[in-house]
Amino acid sequence: MLQIGDTVVRFDVLRERFCCDPAACRGACCVEGDAGAPLEEGEVTEIEENYAAIAPYMTTAGVATVERLGFAVVDEEGDTGTPLVDGRECAYAVEDGGCYGCAIERAWEAGESRFRKPISCHLYPLRVARYSSRELARYDRWKVCEPARARGEREDVPLYLFLKDALVRRYGEEWYEQLRHAVDALDNGTLEAR
């Protein structure tokens, strides 16, 4: 593992190859699983403040779910996440031509919302957990992302490079540059992966 600032990064984040392939996976990460996208403190407020811009991009069922459950739900473990439509897709998921995407991000891309999307979605397949004063960033290897791993191998795209925008959004440009230097040190043998 590698520590940059208060964040511990597992070496597989630096070594794994990954590049989303929505044509192959059909946006399964917006539909599969037993919980919505994890939300951080402040993100529920961001969704609420931008909801008028987000709602037109949502499905009728997604809007009805938000009206019934709220902008977010808290599970039995106390974690906050996006609500699910009938226990399946994220309420903010939108289907287009058989592929799922994010209504929150579509509103942002159109310049109608200030909130891009939950950082947990932007960072995926990286998951971040907080332990006292540190964070652990780990690669979440999920079967629905098999096409992304295959494409990443084919195109030789390291996971950390695929996630550059999300990592910079989360930790800043200086942090990301330190990560790049660590990768260079691993490649030239001056840093040992353990």
N, C-alpha and C. Protein backbone atom coordinates (compact mmCIF):
# COMPACT_ATOMS: atom_id res chain seq x y z
N MET A 1 0.83 -1.18 0.00
CA MET A 1 0.00 0.00 0.00
C MET A 1 0.88 1.25 0.00
N LEU A 2 0.28 2.32 -0.44
CA LEU A 2 0.98 3.59 -0.59
C LEU A 2 0.18 4.66 0.14
N GLN A 3 0.85 5.52 0.89
CA GLN A 3 0.14 6.59 1.57
C GLN A 3 0.53 7.93 0.96
N ILE A 4 -0.51 8.69 0.57
CA ILE A 4 -0.31 10.05 0.08
C ILE A 4 -1.20 10.94 0.94
N GLY A 5 -0.59 11.82 1.70
CA GLY A 5 -1.35 12.63 2.64
C GLY A 5 -2.03 11.72 3.64
N ASP A 6 -3.33 11.90 3.80
CA ASP A 6 -4.10 11.08 4.74
C ASP A 6 -4.80 9.91 4.05
N THR A 7 -4.40 9.60 2.82
CA THR A 7 -5.07 8.55 2.06
C THR A 7 -4.11 7.40 1.77
N VAL A 8 -4.55 6.20 2.11
CA VAL A 8 -3.80 4.99 1.81
C VAL A 8 -4.40 4.39 0.54
N VAL A 9 -3.55 4.14 -0.44
CA VAL A 9 -3.99 3.63 -1.74
C VAL A 9 -3.42 2.23 -1.92
N ARG A 10 -4.29 1.30 -2.22
CA ARG A 10 -3.82 -0.07 -2.48
C ARG A 10 -3.12 -0.09 -3.84
N PHE A 11 -2.09 -0.93 -3.96
CA PHE A 11 -1.30 -0.97 -5.18
C PHE A 11 -2.10 -1.44 -6.40
N ASP A 12 -3.18 -2.19 -6.20
CA ASP A 12 -3.95 -2.62 -7.36
C ASP A 12 -4.59 -1.43 -8.07
N VAL A 13 -4.80 -0.32 -7.37
CA VAL A 13 -5.32 0.90 -8.01
C VAL A 13 -4.32 1.42 -9.04
N LEU A 14 -3.04 1.16 -8.80
CA LEU A 14 -1.99 1.61 -9.71
C LEU A 14 -1.71 0.62 -10.83
N ARG A 15 -1.96 -0.66 -10.57
CA ARG A 15 -1.57 -1.70 -11.51
C ARG A 15 -2.69 -2.24 -12.39
N GLU A 16 -3.92 -2.25 -11.89
CA GLU A 16 -5.04 -2.80 -12.66
C GLU A 16 -5.33 -1.94 -13.89
N ARG A 17 -5.81 -2.59 -14.93
CA ARG A 17 -6.23 -1.90 -16.16
C ARG A 17 -7.75 -1.82 -16.16
N PHE A 18 -8.28 -0.66 -16.55
CA PHE A 18 -9.73 -0.45 -16.46
C PHE A 18 -10.13 0.72 -17.35
N CYS A 19 -11.19 0.54 -18.12
CA CYS A 19 -11.74 1.61 -18.95
C CYS A 19 -13.20 1.26 -19.23
N CYS A 20 -14.12 2.04 -18.67
CA CYS A 20 -15.55 1.73 -18.81
C CYS A 20 -15.91 1.47 -20.27
N ASP A 21 -16.80 0.51 -20.45
CA ASP A 21 -17.26 0.12 -21.78
C ASP A 21 -18.79 0.04 -21.74
N PRO A 22 -19.47 1.20 -21.72
CA PRO A 22 -20.93 1.21 -21.58
C PRO A 22 -21.66 0.42 -22.66
N ALA A 23 -21.09 0.34 -23.85
CA ALA A 23 -21.74 -0.43 -24.92
C ALA A 23 -21.81 -1.91 -24.55
N ALA A 24 -20.85 -2.38 -23.75
CA ALA A 24 -20.82 -3.79 -23.35
C ALA A 24 -21.55 -4.04 -22.03
N CYS A 25 -21.36 -3.16 -21.05
CA CYS A 25 -21.96 -3.41 -19.73
C CYS A 25 -23.36 -2.82 -19.61
N ARG A 26 -23.71 -1.89 -20.50
CA ARG A 26 -25.03 -1.25 -20.53
C ARG A 26 -25.32 -0.43 -19.28
N GLY A 27 -24.26 0.03 -18.59
CA GLY A 27 -24.44 0.85 -17.39
C GLY A 27 -24.97 0.06 -16.22
N ALA A 28 -24.55 -1.19 -16.11
CA ALA A 28 -25.06 -2.09 -15.07
C ALA A 28 -24.82 -1.57 -13.66
N CYS A 29 -23.79 -0.76 -13.45
CA CYS A 29 -23.51 -0.25 -12.10
C CYS A 29 -24.62 0.67 -11.60
N CYS A 30 -25.45 1.20 -12.50
CA CYS A 30 -26.58 2.05 -12.09
C CYS A 30 -27.81 1.21 -11.73
N VAL A 31 -27.76 -0.08 -12.04
CA VAL A 31 -28.93 -0.94 -11.88
C VAL A 31 -28.69 -2.09 -10.90
N GLU A 32 -27.50 -2.69 -10.95
CA GLU A 32 -27.20 -3.87 -10.14
C GLU A 32 -26.86 -3.49 -8.70
N GLY A 33 -26.93 -4.45 -7.83
CA GLY A 33 -26.55 -4.24 -6.44
C GLY A 33 -27.77 -4.15 -5.54
N ASP A 34 -27.50 -4.09 -4.25
CA ASP A 34 -28.59 -4.09 -3.28
C ASP A 34 -28.73 -2.76 -2.55
N ALA A 35 -28.02 -1.75 -3.01
CA ALA A 35 -28.10 -0.43 -2.39
C ALA A 35 -27.82 0.63 -3.44
N GLY A 36 -28.26 1.85 -3.16
CA GLY A 36 -27.98 2.95 -4.07
C GLY A 36 -26.54 3.42 -3.93
N ALA A 37 -26.19 4.44 -4.68
CA ALA A 37 -24.84 4.98 -4.62
C ALA A 37 -24.60 5.64 -3.26
N PRO A 38 -23.46 5.35 -2.63
CA PRO A 38 -23.15 6.01 -1.36
C PRO A 38 -23.06 7.52 -1.55
N LEU A 39 -23.61 8.26 -0.60
CA LEU A 39 -23.57 9.72 -0.64
C LEU A 39 -22.79 10.25 0.55
N GLU A 40 -21.97 11.25 0.29
CA GLU A 40 -21.18 11.87 1.35
C GLU A 40 -21.93 13.06 1.93
N GLU A 41 -21.44 13.51 3.07
CA GLU A 41 -22.03 14.67 3.72
C GLU A 41 -22.04 15.85 2.73
N GLY A 42 -23.14 16.49 2.61
CA GLY A 42 -23.27 17.63 1.70
C GLY A 42 -23.83 17.27 0.34
N GLU A 43 -23.69 16.01 -0.07
CA GLU A 43 -24.17 15.64 -1.41
C GLU A 43 -25.69 15.60 -1.49
N VAL A 44 -26.36 15.25 -0.41
CA VAL A 44 -27.82 15.26 -0.41
C VAL A 44 -28.32 16.69 -0.63
N THR A 45 -27.67 17.63 0.02
CA THR A 45 -28.02 19.04 -0.16
C THR A 45 -27.77 19.48 -1.60
N GLU A 46 -26.65 19.03 -2.18
CA GLU A 46 -26.34 19.35 -3.59
C GLU A 46 -27.43 18.83 -4.52
N ILE A 47 -27.88 17.61 -4.28
CA ILE A 47 -28.94 17.05 -5.11
C ILE A 47 -30.23 17.87 -4.93
N GLU A 48 -30.56 18.15 -3.69
CA GLU A 48 -31.79 18.91 -3.41
C GLU A 48 -31.75 20.28 -4.06
N GLU A 49 -30.63 20.98 -3.94
CA GLU A 49 -30.51 22.32 -4.51
C GLU A 49 -30.56 22.33 -6.04
N ASN A 50 -30.17 21.24 -6.66
CA ASN A 50 -30.14 21.16 -8.13
C ASN A 50 -31.25 20.28 -8.69
N TYR A 51 -32.15 19.83 -7.84
CA TYR A 51 -33.16 18.86 -8.25
C TYR A 51 -34.06 19.36 -9.39
N ALA A 52 -34.40 20.64 -9.41
CA ALA A 52 -35.26 21.17 -10.47
C ALA A 52 -34.60 20.98 -11.85
N ALA A 53 -33.27 21.02 -11.90
CA ALA A 53 -32.55 20.80 -13.16
C ALA A 53 -32.37 19.31 -13.46
N ILE A 54 -32.29 18.50 -12.40
CA ILE A 54 -32.05 17.06 -12.55
C ILE A 54 -33.32 16.31 -12.94
N ALA A 55 -34.44 16.65 -12.32
CA ALA A 55 -35.70 15.91 -12.49
C ALA A 55 -36.13 15.72 -13.95
N PRO A 56 -35.99 16.71 -14.83
CA PRO A 56 -36.41 16.49 -16.22
C PRO A 56 -35.64 15.37 -16.94
N TYR A 57 -34.48 15.02 -16.44
CA TYR A 57 -33.67 13.96 -17.05
C TYR A 57 -34.01 12.58 -16.46
N MET A 58 -34.76 12.56 -15.38
CA MET A 58 -35.08 11.32 -14.68
C MET A 58 -36.26 10.60 -15.30
N THR A 59 -36.38 9.32 -14.99
CA THR A 59 -37.55 8.55 -15.42
C THR A 59 -38.73 8.92 -14.52
N THR A 60 -39.92 8.63 -15.00
CA THR A 60 -41.12 8.86 -14.19
C THR A 60 -41.04 8.07 -12.89
N ALA A 61 -40.58 6.83 -12.97
CA ALA A 61 -40.45 5.99 -11.77
C ALA A 61 -39.40 6.55 -10.82
N GLY A 62 -38.34 7.12 -11.36
CA GLY A 62 -37.30 7.72 -10.51
C GLY A 62 -37.82 8.93 -9.77
N VAL A 63 -38.55 9.78 -10.46
CA VAL A 63 -39.14 10.96 -9.83
C VAL A 63 -40.12 10.53 -8.73
N ALA A 64 -40.97 9.54 -9.04
CA ALA A 64 -41.95 9.06 -8.05
C ALA A 64 -41.23 8.49 -6.83
N THR A 65 -40.12 7.80 -7.04
CA THR A 65 -39.35 7.23 -5.93
C THR A 65 -38.78 8.33 -5.05
N VAL A 66 -38.22 9.38 -5.66
CA VAL A 66 -37.68 10.49 -4.88
C VAL A 66 -38.80 11.21 -4.13
N GLU A 67 -39.94 11.37 -4.77
CA GLU A 67 -41.08 12.01 -4.10
C GLU A 67 -41.54 11.19 -2.90
N ARG A 68 -41.45 9.87 -3.01
CA ARG A 68 -41.90 8.99 -1.94
C ARG A 68 -40.86 8.80 -0.84
N LEU A 69 -39.58 8.63 -1.22
CA LEU A 69 -38.53 8.29 -0.26
C LEU A 69 -37.62 9.46 0.11
N GLY A 70 -37.60 10.49 -0.71
CA GLY A 70 -36.70 11.62 -0.49
C GLY A 70 -35.49 11.54 -1.41
N PHE A 71 -34.64 12.56 -1.32
CA PHE A 71 -33.47 12.65 -2.19
C PHE A 71 -32.44 11.57 -1.89
N ALA A 72 -32.49 11.03 -0.67
CA ALA A 72 -31.55 9.99 -0.23
C ALA A 72 -32.23 9.14 0.82
N VAL A 73 -31.66 7.97 1.06
CA VAL A 73 -32.16 7.07 2.11
C VAL A 73 -31.00 6.68 3.01
N VAL A 74 -31.33 6.31 4.23
CA VAL A 74 -30.32 5.83 5.18
C VAL A 74 -30.62 4.36 5.44
N ASP A 75 -29.60 3.50 5.23
CA ASP A 75 -29.82 2.06 5.41
C ASP A 75 -29.70 1.66 6.88
N GLU A 76 -29.88 0.37 7.15
CA GLU A 76 -29.86 -0.14 8.52
C GLU A 76 -28.50 0.02 9.20
N GLU A 77 -27.44 0.22 8.42
CA GLU A 77 -26.11 0.43 8.98
C GLU A 77 -25.81 1.92 9.19
N GLY A 78 -26.77 2.78 8.84
CA GLY A 78 -26.59 4.21 9.01
C GLY A 78 -25.91 4.91 7.85
N ASP A 79 -25.72 4.19 6.73
CA ASP A 79 -25.08 4.78 5.56
C ASP A 79 -26.12 5.45 4.67
N THR A 80 -25.77 6.61 4.13
CA THR A 80 -26.66 7.37 3.26
C THR A 80 -26.37 7.03 1.81
N GLY A 81 -27.44 6.82 1.03
CA GLY A 81 -27.27 6.50 -0.39
C GLY A 81 -28.46 6.98 -1.20
N THR A 82 -28.33 6.84 -2.49
CA THR A 82 -29.44 7.23 -3.37
C THR A 82 -30.56 6.20 -3.23
N PRO A 83 -31.82 6.64 -3.37
CA PRO A 83 -32.93 5.69 -3.29
C PRO A 83 -32.97 4.80 -4.53
N LEU A 84 -33.55 3.61 -4.38
CA LEU A 84 -33.70 2.67 -5.49
C LEU A 84 -35.16 2.59 -5.92
N VAL A 85 -35.37 2.42 -7.21
CA VAL A 85 -36.71 2.20 -7.75
C VAL A 85 -37.03 0.72 -7.60
N ASP A 86 -38.01 0.41 -6.78
CA ASP A 86 -38.43 -0.97 -6.55
C ASP A 86 -37.26 -1.89 -6.20
N GLY A 87 -36.29 -1.37 -5.44
CA GLY A 87 -35.16 -2.18 -5.01
C GLY A 87 -34.19 -2.54 -6.12
N ARG A 88 -34.27 -1.86 -7.26
CA ARG A 88 -33.40 -2.20 -8.38
C ARG A 88 -32.50 -1.02 -8.77
N GLU A 89 -32.88 -0.27 -9.80
CA GLU A 89 -31.98 0.78 -10.29
C GLU A 89 -32.03 2.02 -9.41
N CYS A 90 -30.97 2.78 -9.45
CA CYS A 90 -30.88 4.05 -8.75
C CYS A 90 -32.00 4.95 -9.27
N ALA A 91 -32.62 5.70 -8.38
CA ALA A 91 -33.70 6.60 -8.78
C ALA A 91 -33.22 7.65 -9.78
N TYR A 92 -31.93 7.94 -9.79
CA TYR A 92 -31.38 8.94 -10.70
C TYR A 92 -30.84 8.32 -12.00
N ALA A 93 -31.01 7.01 -12.15
CA ALA A 93 -30.56 6.33 -13.37
C ALA A 93 -31.55 6.62 -14.49
N VAL A 94 -31.03 6.75 -15.67
CA VAL A 94 -31.87 6.97 -16.84
C VAL A 94 -31.39 6.04 -17.95
N GLU A 95 -32.32 5.45 -18.63
CA GLU A 95 -31.99 4.48 -19.68
C GLU A 95 -32.14 5.15 -21.04
N ASP A 96 -31.15 4.92 -21.89
CA ASP A 96 -31.16 5.48 -23.24
C ASP A 96 -30.62 4.43 -24.19
N GLY A 97 -31.48 3.90 -25.03
CA GLY A 97 -31.04 2.90 -26.00
C GLY A 97 -30.52 1.63 -25.37
N GLY A 98 -31.09 1.24 -24.23
CA GLY A 98 -30.67 0.01 -23.57
C GLY A 98 -29.47 0.16 -22.68
N CYS A 99 -28.97 1.40 -22.51
CA CYS A 99 -27.81 1.66 -21.66
C CYS A 99 -28.19 2.67 -20.59
N TYR A 100 -27.81 2.39 -19.34
CA TYR A 100 -28.14 3.29 -18.24
C TYR A 100 -27.04 4.33 -18.03
N GLY A 101 -27.47 5.51 -17.64
CA GLY A 101 -26.57 6.59 -17.30
C GLY A 101 -27.15 7.34 -16.11
N CYS A 102 -26.63 8.53 -15.84
CA CYS A 102 -27.01 9.27 -14.64
C CYS A 102 -27.70 10.59 -15.01
N ALA A 103 -28.92 10.77 -14.52
CA ALA A 103 -29.66 12.01 -14.75
C ALA A 103 -28.95 13.20 -14.11
N ILE A 104 -28.32 12.97 -12.96
CA ILE A 104 -27.60 14.06 -12.29
C ILE A 104 -26.48 14.55 -13.19
N GLU A 105 -25.73 13.61 -13.76
CA GLU A 105 -24.61 14.00 -14.62
C GLU A 105 -25.10 14.61 -15.93
N ARG A 106 -26.20 14.13 -16.45
CA ARG A 106 -26.73 14.72 -17.69
C ARG A 106 -27.10 16.18 -17.48
N ALA A 107 -27.71 16.50 -16.35
CA ALA A 107 -28.05 17.90 -16.05
C ALA A 107 -26.79 18.74 -15.92
N TRP A 108 -25.74 18.16 -15.31
CA TRP A 108 -24.46 18.86 -15.17
C TRP A 108 -23.81 19.09 -16.54
N GLU A 109 -23.80 18.03 -17.38
CA GLU A 109 -23.21 18.15 -18.72
C GLU A 109 -23.92 19.20 -19.56
N ALA A 110 -25.22 19.37 -19.34
CA ALA A 110 -26.00 20.36 -20.08
C ALA A 110 -25.82 21.77 -19.51
N GLY A 111 -25.04 21.88 -18.43
CA GLY A 111 -24.81 23.18 -17.81
C GLY A 111 -25.98 23.67 -16.98
N GLU A 112 -26.88 22.77 -16.64
CA GLU A 112 -28.09 23.14 -15.90
C GLU A 112 -27.97 22.89 -14.40
N SER A 113 -26.95 22.18 -13.97
CA SER A 113 -26.76 21.83 -12.56
C SER A 113 -25.31 22.08 -12.18
N ARG A 114 -25.11 22.50 -10.94
CA ARG A 114 -23.75 22.73 -10.44
C ARG A 114 -23.14 21.44 -9.87
N PHE A 115 -23.96 20.43 -9.64
CA PHE A 115 -23.49 19.18 -9.03
C PHE A 115 -23.28 18.13 -10.12
N ARG A 116 -22.07 17.60 -10.22
CA ARG A 116 -21.75 16.66 -11.29
C ARG A 116 -22.42 15.30 -11.10
N LYS A 117 -22.18 14.67 -9.99
CA LYS A 117 -22.79 13.40 -9.58
C LYS A 117 -22.11 13.00 -8.28
N PRO A 118 -22.65 12.03 -7.56
CA PRO A 118 -21.99 11.62 -6.32
C PRO A 118 -20.54 11.21 -6.58
N ILE A 119 -19.66 11.60 -5.69
CA ILE A 119 -18.24 11.27 -5.87
C ILE A 119 -18.04 9.75 -5.87
N SER A 120 -18.89 9.01 -5.16
CA SER A 120 -18.74 7.55 -5.16
C SER A 120 -18.96 6.98 -6.56
N CYS A 121 -19.85 7.59 -7.33
CA CYS A 121 -20.09 7.15 -8.71
C CYS A 121 -18.94 7.58 -9.61
N HIS A 122 -18.47 8.81 -9.42
CA HIS A 122 -17.38 9.33 -10.24
C HIS A 122 -16.11 8.52 -10.03
N LEU A 123 -15.86 8.10 -8.80
CA LEU A 123 -14.66 7.32 -8.48
C LEU A 123 -14.77 5.84 -8.82
N TYR A 124 -15.99 5.36 -9.08
CA TYR A 124 -16.15 3.92 -9.24
C TYR A 124 -15.32 3.40 -10.41
N PRO A 125 -14.60 2.27 -10.24
CA PRO A 125 -14.71 1.20 -9.27
C PRO A 125 -13.82 1.36 -8.03
N LEU A 126 -13.38 2.57 -7.76
CA LEU A 126 -12.63 2.82 -6.55
C LEU A 126 -13.62 3.08 -5.42
N ARG A 127 -13.40 2.46 -4.28
CA ARG A 127 -14.22 2.70 -3.10
C ARG A 127 -13.32 3.30 -2.02
N VAL A 128 -13.86 4.28 -1.32
CA VAL A 128 -13.10 4.97 -0.29
C VAL A 128 -13.79 4.74 1.05
N ALA A 129 -13.02 4.34 2.04
CA ALA A 129 -13.54 4.14 3.39
C ALA A 129 -12.69 4.97 4.35
N ARG A 130 -13.33 5.56 5.34
CA ARG A 130 -12.62 6.38 6.33
C ARG A 130 -12.39 5.56 7.59
N TYR A 131 -11.15 5.60 8.06
CA TYR A 131 -10.76 4.96 9.30
C TYR A 131 -10.05 6.01 10.14
N SER A 132 -10.68 6.47 11.19
CA SER A 132 -10.20 7.56 12.05
C SER A 132 -9.76 8.74 11.20
N SER A 133 -8.48 9.04 11.15
CA SER A 133 -8.02 10.22 10.41
C SER A 133 -7.55 9.90 9.00
N ARG A 134 -7.68 8.65 8.58
CA ARG A 134 -7.20 8.24 7.25
C ARG A 134 -8.32 7.70 6.39
N GLU A 135 -8.07 7.73 5.08
CA GLU A 135 -8.96 7.09 4.13
C GLU A 135 -8.21 5.94 3.47
N LEU A 136 -8.95 4.91 3.12
CA LEU A 136 -8.40 3.80 2.35
C LEU A 136 -9.10 3.80 1.01
N ALA A 137 -8.31 3.89 -0.07
CA ALA A 137 -8.84 3.83 -1.43
C ALA A 137 -8.50 2.45 -1.98
N ARG A 138 -9.55 1.70 -2.31
CA ARG A 138 -9.34 0.34 -2.80
C ARG A 138 -10.15 0.10 -4.07
N TYR A 139 -9.66 -0.82 -4.86
CA TYR A 139 -10.33 -1.21 -6.09
C TYR A 139 -11.41 -2.23 -5.74
N ASP A 140 -12.64 -1.96 -6.17
CA ASP A 140 -13.77 -2.86 -5.94
C ASP A 140 -13.99 -3.66 -7.22
N ARG A 141 -13.54 -4.88 -7.19
CA ARG A 141 -13.61 -5.74 -8.38
C ARG A 141 -14.98 -6.40 -8.44
N TRP A 142 -15.85 -5.91 -9.33
CA TRP A 142 -17.23 -6.36 -9.45
C TRP A 142 -17.43 -7.00 -10.81
N LYS A 143 -18.20 -8.09 -10.85
CA LYS A 143 -18.36 -8.86 -12.09
C LYS A 143 -18.97 -8.03 -13.23
N VAL A 144 -19.83 -7.06 -12.90
CA VAL A 144 -20.46 -6.28 -13.98
C VAL A 144 -19.45 -5.42 -14.72
N CYS A 145 -18.26 -5.24 -14.15
CA CYS A 145 -17.22 -4.43 -14.78
C CYS A 145 -16.22 -5.25 -15.58
N GLU A 146 -16.53 -6.51 -15.81
CA GLU A 146 -15.64 -7.36 -16.61
C GLU A 146 -15.32 -6.72 -17.97
N PRO A 147 -16.32 -6.16 -18.70
CA PRO A 147 -16.00 -5.50 -19.97
C PRO A 147 -15.02 -4.33 -19.82
N ALA A 148 -15.10 -3.60 -18.71
CA ALA A 148 -14.19 -2.48 -18.47
C ALA A 148 -12.77 -2.97 -18.24
N ARG A 149 -12.63 -4.11 -17.56
CA ARG A 149 -11.30 -4.68 -17.36
C ARG A 149 -10.71 -5.15 -18.69
N ALA A 150 -11.55 -5.80 -19.50
CA ALA A 150 -11.09 -6.27 -20.81
C ALA A 150 -10.67 -5.09 -21.70
N ARG A 151 -11.48 -4.03 -21.71
CA ARG A 151 -11.14 -2.86 -22.53
C ARG A 151 -9.89 -2.19 -22.00
N GLY A 152 -9.78 -2.08 -20.67
CA GLY A 152 -8.59 -1.48 -20.07
C GLY A 152 -7.32 -2.24 -20.45
N GLU A 153 -7.41 -3.57 -20.47
CA GLU A 153 -6.26 -4.39 -20.90
C GLU A 153 -5.95 -4.15 -22.37
N ARG A 154 -6.99 -4.19 -23.20
CA ARG A 154 -6.80 -3.99 -24.65
C ARG A 154 -6.15 -2.64 -24.95
N GLU A 155 -6.63 -1.60 -24.27
CA GLU A 155 -6.17 -0.24 -24.55
C GLU A 155 -5.06 0.21 -23.60
N ASP A 156 -4.64 -0.68 -22.68
CA ASP A 156 -3.58 -0.42 -21.72
C ASP A 156 -3.82 0.88 -20.93
N VAL A 157 -4.99 0.95 -20.29
CA VAL A 157 -5.38 2.12 -19.50
C VAL A 157 -5.35 1.73 -18.01
N PRO A 158 -4.38 2.25 -17.26
CA PRO A 158 -4.34 1.97 -15.83
C PRO A 158 -5.56 2.59 -15.13
N LEU A 159 -6.04 1.93 -14.09
CA LEU A 159 -7.19 2.40 -13.34
C LEU A 159 -7.01 3.83 -12.84
N TYR A 160 -5.84 4.14 -12.27
CA TYR A 160 -5.60 5.48 -11.73
C TYR A 160 -5.67 6.54 -12.82
N LEU A 161 -5.29 6.18 -14.05
CA LEU A 161 -5.35 7.13 -15.16
C LEU A 161 -6.80 7.30 -15.66
N PHE A 162 -7.53 6.20 -15.73
CA PHE A 162 -8.95 6.26 -16.09
C PHE A 162 -9.70 7.16 -15.11
N LEU A 163 -9.33 7.12 -13.85
CA LEU A 163 -10.02 7.88 -12.80
C LEU A 163 -9.40 9.25 -12.52
N LYS A 164 -8.53 9.74 -13.39
CA LYS A 164 -7.82 10.99 -13.10
C LYS A 164 -8.77 12.12 -12.70
N ASP A 165 -9.80 12.42 -13.49
CA ASP A 165 -10.70 13.53 -13.18
C ASP A 165 -11.36 13.36 -11.81
N ALA A 166 -11.78 12.14 -11.53
CA ALA A 166 -12.45 11.87 -10.25
C ALA A 166 -11.46 11.99 -9.09
N LEU A 167 -10.25 11.49 -9.27
CA LEU A 167 -9.24 11.58 -8.21
C LEU A 167 -8.84 13.02 -7.95
N VAL A 168 -8.71 13.81 -9.01
CA VAL A 168 -8.40 15.23 -8.84
C VAL A 168 -9.56 15.94 -8.16
N ARG A 169 -10.79 15.60 -8.54
CA ARG A 169 -11.96 16.18 -7.88
C ARG A 169 -11.95 15.87 -6.39
N ARG A 170 -11.60 14.66 -6.03
CA ARG A 170 -11.63 14.22 -4.63
C ARG A 170 -10.45 14.76 -3.82
N TYR A 171 -9.23 14.65 -4.39
CA TYR A 171 -8.03 14.91 -3.60
C TYR A 171 -7.22 16.12 -4.05
N GLY A 172 -7.44 16.59 -5.25
CA GLY A 172 -6.70 17.74 -5.76
C GLY A 172 -5.58 17.35 -6.71
N GLU A 173 -5.14 18.33 -7.48
CA GLU A 173 -4.11 18.13 -8.51
C GLU A 173 -2.77 17.73 -7.90
N GLU A 174 -2.38 18.36 -6.80
CA GLU A 174 -1.09 18.04 -6.16
C GLU A 174 -1.06 16.59 -5.68
N TRP A 175 -2.15 16.13 -5.08
CA TRP A 175 -2.25 14.75 -4.63
C TRP A 175 -2.09 13.79 -5.80
N TYR A 176 -2.78 14.10 -6.90
CA TYR A 176 -2.72 13.23 -8.07
C TYR A 176 -1.30 13.18 -8.64
N GLU A 177 -0.61 14.31 -8.64
CA GLU A 177 0.77 14.32 -9.13
C GLU A 177 1.67 13.45 -8.26
N GLN A 178 1.44 13.46 -6.94
CA GLN A 178 2.21 12.58 -6.05
C GLN A 178 1.92 11.11 -6.38
N LEU A 179 0.68 10.82 -6.71
CA LEU A 179 0.32 9.45 -7.12
C LEU A 179 1.07 9.07 -8.39
N ARG A 180 1.11 9.98 -9.37
CA ARG A 180 1.83 9.71 -10.63
C ARG A 180 3.31 9.47 -10.37
N HIS A 181 3.90 10.25 -9.46
CA HIS A 181 5.31 10.06 -9.12
C HIS A 181 5.54 8.70 -8.48
N ALA A 182 4.60 8.25 -7.66
CA ALA A 182 4.70 6.93 -7.04
C ALA A 182 4.65 5.83 -8.10
N VAL A 183 3.79 6.00 -9.11
CA VAL A 183 3.71 5.03 -10.21
C VAL A 183 5.05 4.98 -10.95
N ASP A 184 5.62 6.15 -11.22
CA ASP A 184 6.94 6.20 -11.88
C ASP A 184 7.99 5.49 -11.03
N ALA A 185 7.96 5.69 -9.72
CA ALA A 185 8.92 5.05 -8.83
C ALA A 185 8.73 3.53 -8.82
N LEU A 186 7.50 3.08 -8.88
CA LEU A 186 7.24 1.64 -8.98
C LEU A 186 7.79 1.08 -10.28
N ASP A 187 7.54 1.82 -11.36
CA ASP A 187 7.98 1.36 -12.68
C ASP A 187 9.50 1.30 -12.80
N ASN A 188 10.20 2.25 -12.18
CA ASN A 188 11.66 2.23 -12.31
C ASN A 188 12.36 1.51 -11.16
N GLY A 189 11.57 0.91 -10.26
CA GLY A 189 12.13 0.06 -9.20
C GLY A 189 12.61 0.79 -7.96
N THR A 190 12.37 2.10 -7.86
CA THR A 190 12.81 2.81 -6.66
C THR A 190 11.78 2.78 -5.54
N LEU A 191 10.60 2.20 -5.83
CA LEU A 191 9.57 1.98 -4.82
C LEU A 191 9.10 0.54 -4.98
N GLU A 192 9.03 -0.15 -3.86
CA GLU A 192 8.65 -1.56 -3.89
C GLU A 192 7.19 -1.74 -3.49
N ALA A 193 6.44 -2.47 -4.30
CA ALA A 193 5.04 -2.77 -3.96
C ALA A 193 4.99 -3.92 -2.98
N ARG A 194 4.28 -3.70 -1.89
CA ARG A 194 4.13 -4.77 -0.88
C ARG A 194 2.68 -5.08 -0.67
